[in-house]
Amino acid sequence: MIRSAQFSPKNAGLRLLIFPAVLRRGLAQLLFLAGLTTATISPAQSNATIHNHGAASMVDGAAHPENIPDVVAYRLILLGLSQPANPTDNQMKRHLAQFRAIGMSDSDNATLIVSLLRFNADYHSMIETYNAAATAANASGQRMDINSFLLERDQFIQSTHDKLKSALSADGWGHLDAFVQGNKKHMKISVAEASR
């Protein structure tokens, strides 16, 4: 099953400290998904799933940020910026510090916050729907197609990207996109994720 990510990075007031924690969690999620796509059934244990956790080839954004796809970068950043519908005071403070690091106007920040609330709810709903279907399929001895889920997820991220681009001012979009592009250098993803 896929677990929805809840990001709550520490020291969010400092741009360089926000995303390494977020990205480690995002990387863990990516590695989990990569493990799901490479799972095989052992002939000796027909009911056991074995994951290949060997040294997977990685794309290191520090060396080659241009090889981190925008859809992956936006997914990780949007998950890092989104928060639950009823955030605590500490979550709100951290959230505002993250937004200051982006450098958008108050109007664009308000637009982004509303968009992120919807994004968070829809993203987690998509994961819960997949998990419920995967649980039912597993109970009947079948396997869900993870690739169709990953395609749906990437299309959702692209749609969210496009909506944000049209909803924010040109200046606000420029700041957000620069923030995402600049944070690619903190990302490490699998080659499979980069080539999807």
Protein backbone atom coordinates (compact mmCIF):
# COMPACT_ATOMS: atom_id res chain seq x y z
CA MET A 1 0.00 0.00 0.00
CA ILE A 2 1.04 3.55 -0.54
CA ARG A 3 1.20 5.82 2.45
CA SER A 4 0.34 9.44 2.09
CA ALA A 5 3.15 11.73 3.11
CA GLN A 6 2.67 14.22 5.89
CA PHE A 7 5.55 16.66 5.78
CA SER A 8 6.40 18.81 8.75
CA PRO A 9 9.98 19.93 8.25
CA LYS A 10 11.83 21.41 11.19
CA ASN A 11 13.51 24.80 11.04
CA ALA A 12 11.25 25.88 8.19
CA GLY A 13 12.33 29.50 8.63
CA LEU A 14 15.57 28.76 6.82
CA ARG A 15 15.21 27.86 3.17
CA LEU A 16 18.13 25.44 3.11
CA LEU A 17 16.81 23.58 6.14
CA ILE A 18 13.23 23.24 4.91
CA PHE A 19 13.61 20.85 2.10
CA PRO A 20 16.33 18.39 3.06
CA ALA A 21 13.97 16.95 5.69
CA VAL A 22 11.05 17.10 3.28
CA LEU A 23 13.04 15.53 0.53
CA ARG A 24 14.33 12.71 2.72
CA ARG A 25 10.72 11.82 3.43
CA GLY A 26 9.86 12.27 -0.24
CA LEU A 27 12.81 10.10 -1.18
CA ALA A 28 11.62 7.43 1.22
CA GLN A 29 8.23 7.55 -0.49
CA LEU A 30 9.89 7.34 -3.92
CA LEU A 31 12.00 4.38 -2.84
CA PHE A 32 8.91 2.70 -1.43
CA LEU A 33 7.13 3.16 -4.76
CA ALA A 34 10.20 1.93 -6.65
CA GLY A 35 10.22 -1.14 -4.42
CA LEU A 36 6.58 -1.77 -5.27
CA THR A 37 7.29 -1.63 -8.99
CA THR A 38 10.18 -4.08 -8.73
CA ALA A 39 8.47 -6.56 -6.42
CA THR A 40 8.59 -10.19 -7.52
CA ILE A 41 7.05 -13.43 -6.30
CA SER A 42 9.52 -16.00 -4.98
CA PRO A 43 9.01 -19.45 -6.50
CA ALA A 44 9.87 -21.09 -3.15
CA GLN A 45 7.40 -18.91 -1.24
CA SER A 46 4.54 -18.16 -3.58
CA ASN A 47 2.80 -15.90 -1.07
CA ALA A 48 5.85 -13.83 -0.13
CA THR A 49 6.73 -10.61 -1.91
CA ILE A 50 10.44 -9.89 -2.20
CA HIS A 51 11.68 -6.38 -2.90
CA ASN A 52 14.96 -5.68 -4.58
CA HIS A 53 16.73 -3.22 -2.28
CA GLY A 54 20.09 -3.40 -4.02
CA ALA A 55 22.11 -0.33 -4.87
CA ALA A 56 19.62 1.42 -7.12
CA SER A 57 20.92 3.96 -9.57
CA MET A 58 20.00 7.42 -8.41
CA VAL A 59 19.78 10.82 -10.05
CA ASP A 60 21.46 13.34 -7.77
CA GLY A 61 20.04 16.82 -8.17
CA ALA A 62 23.15 18.31 -6.60
CA ALA A 63 25.16 17.15 -9.60
CA HIS A 64 22.45 17.21 -12.29
CA PRO A 65 19.37 19.23 -11.27
CA GLU A 66 18.31 19.31 -14.93
CA ASN A 67 17.68 15.54 -14.72
CA ILE A 68 15.02 15.92 -12.02
CA PRO A 69 11.68 16.11 -13.90
CA ASP A 70 9.48 19.08 -13.07
CA VAL A 71 6.55 16.80 -12.23
CA VAL A 72 8.65 15.09 -9.54
CA ALA A 73 10.03 18.36 -8.18
CA TYR A 74 6.59 19.96 -8.03
CA ARG A 75 5.12 16.91 -6.30
CA LEU A 76 7.78 16.99 -3.59
CA ILE A 77 7.58 20.76 -3.10
CA LEU A 78 3.77 20.91 -3.11
CA LEU A 79 3.62 18.10 -0.57
CA GLY A 80 6.17 19.94 1.53
CA LEU A 81 4.20 23.17 1.36
CA SER A 82 0.75 21.71 1.92
CA GLN A 83 -0.70 21.16 5.35
CA PRO A 84 -3.87 19.70 6.87
CA ALA A 85 -7.15 21.60 6.74
CA ASN A 86 -6.96 22.51 10.45
CA PRO A 87 -3.29 23.27 11.12
CA THR A 88 -1.92 23.90 14.59
CA ASP A 89 -0.31 27.22 15.49
CA ASN A 90 3.16 25.72 15.04
CA GLN A 91 2.20 24.34 11.62
CA MET A 92 0.91 27.78 10.63
CA LYS A 93 4.14 29.49 11.75
CA ARG A 94 6.22 26.96 9.83
CA HIS A 95 3.95 27.34 6.82
CA LEU A 96 4.30 31.14 6.79
CA ALA A 97 8.10 30.84 7.06
CA GLN A 98 8.08 28.53 4.03
CA PHE A 99 6.02 31.01 2.07
CA ARG A 100 8.35 33.88 2.98
CA ALA A 101 11.21 31.82 1.51
CA ILE A 102 9.36 31.68 -1.82
CA GLY A 103 9.02 35.47 -1.86
CA MET A 104 5.55 35.92 -3.34
CA SER A 105 3.09 38.73 -2.66
CA ASP A 106 0.38 38.33 -0.03
CA SER A 107 -2.21 37.94 -2.77
CA ASP A 108 -0.26 35.13 -4.45
CA ASN A 109 0.39 33.51 -1.07
CA ALA A 110 -3.36 33.50 -0.37
CA THR A 111 -4.03 31.92 -3.79
CA LEU A 112 -1.36 29.29 -3.21
CA ILE A 113 -2.64 28.45 0.28
CA VAL A 114 -6.17 27.84 -1.03
CA SER A 115 -4.80 25.76 -3.91
CA LEU A 116 -2.64 23.72 -1.53
CA LEU A 117 -5.58 22.91 0.73
CA ARG A 118 -7.39 21.41 -2.26
CA PHE A 119 -4.22 19.72 -3.49
CA ASN A 120 -3.58 18.11 -0.11
CA ALA A 121 -7.13 16.76 0.17
CA ASP A 122 -7.23 15.46 -3.41
CA TYR A 123 -3.75 13.92 -3.28
CA HIS A 124 -4.42 12.01 -0.07
CA SER A 125 -7.85 10.95 -1.32
CA MET A 126 -6.21 9.53 -4.46
CA ILE A 127 -3.79 7.51 -2.32
CA GLU A 128 -6.55 6.27 -0.01
CA THR A 129 -8.64 5.18 -3.03
CA TYR A 130 -5.68 3.28 -4.49
CA ASN A 131 -4.87 1.67 -1.13
CA ALA A 132 -8.48 0.50 -0.68
CA ALA A 133 -8.51 -1.00 -4.19
CA ALA A 134 -5.08 -2.61 -3.64
CA THR A 135 -6.21 -4.12 -0.34
CA ALA A 136 -9.32 -5.58 -1.99
CA ALA A 137 -7.26 -6.90 -4.91
CA ASN A 138 -4.71 -8.49 -2.57
CA ALA A 139 -7.50 -10.15 -0.58
CA SER A 140 -8.74 -11.81 -3.77
CA GLY A 141 -5.22 -12.87 -4.83
CA GLN A 142 -4.80 -10.18 -7.48
CA ARG A 143 -2.35 -7.31 -7.84
CA MET A 144 -3.11 -3.70 -8.60
CA ASP A 145 -1.30 -2.03 -11.47
CA ILE A 146 0.99 0.48 -9.74
CA ASN A 147 2.01 2.00 -13.08
CA SER A 148 -1.51 3.20 -13.82
CA PHE A 149 -1.65 4.80 -10.37
CA LEU A 150 1.72 6.52 -10.91
CA LEU A 151 0.52 7.85 -14.28
CA GLU A 152 -2.68 9.16 -12.68
CA ARG A 153 -0.63 10.75 -9.88
CA ASP A 154 1.72 12.46 -12.34
CA GLN A 155 -1.23 13.75 -14.39
CA PHE A 156 -2.73 15.16 -11.20
CA ILE A 157 0.54 16.92 -10.37
CA GLN A 158 0.78 18.34 -13.91
CA SER A 159 -2.82 19.56 -13.70
CA THR A 160 -2.10 21.23 -10.35
CA HIS A 161 1.03 22.83 -11.86
CA ASP A 162 -1.01 24.21 -14.77
CA LYS A 163 -3.77 25.54 -12.49
CA LEU A 164 -1.22 27.30 -10.28
CA LYS A 165 0.49 28.83 -13.29
CA SER A 166 -2.77 30.37 -14.44
CA ALA A 167 -4.02 31.34 -10.94
CA LEU A 168 -0.88 33.13 -9.72
CA SER A 169 0.35 36.46 -11.04
CA ALA A 170 3.23 36.27 -13.52
CA ASP A 171 5.57 37.48 -10.78
CA GLY A 172 4.17 35.01 -8.25
CA TRP A 173 4.50 32.12 -10.69
CA GLY A 174 8.07 33.19 -11.44
CA HIS A 175 8.95 33.09 -7.73
CA LEU A 176 7.29 29.70 -7.18
CA ASP A 177 8.89 28.13 -10.24
CA ALA A 178 12.31 29.52 -9.31
CA PHE A 179 11.85 28.10 -5.81
CA VAL A 180 11.02 24.64 -7.20
CA GLN A 181 13.85 24.72 -9.75
CA GLY A 182 16.33 25.91 -7.12
CA ASN A 183 15.38 23.09 -4.77
CA LYS A 184 16.05 20.38 -7.37
CA LYS A 185 19.66 20.48 -6.20
CA HIS A 186 18.48 19.01 -2.87
CA MET A 187 16.66 16.09 -4.48
CA LYS A 188 17.76 12.53 -5.15
CA ILE A 189 15.43 10.24 -7.05
CA SER A 190 15.66 6.84 -8.68
CA VAL A 191 16.54 6.58 -12.36
CA ALA A 192 13.15 4.88 -12.89
CA GLU A 193 11.37 7.90 -11.38
CA ALA A 194 13.44 10.28 -13.50
CA SER A 195 12.65 8.39 -16.71
CA ARG A 196 8.93 7.98 -16.08
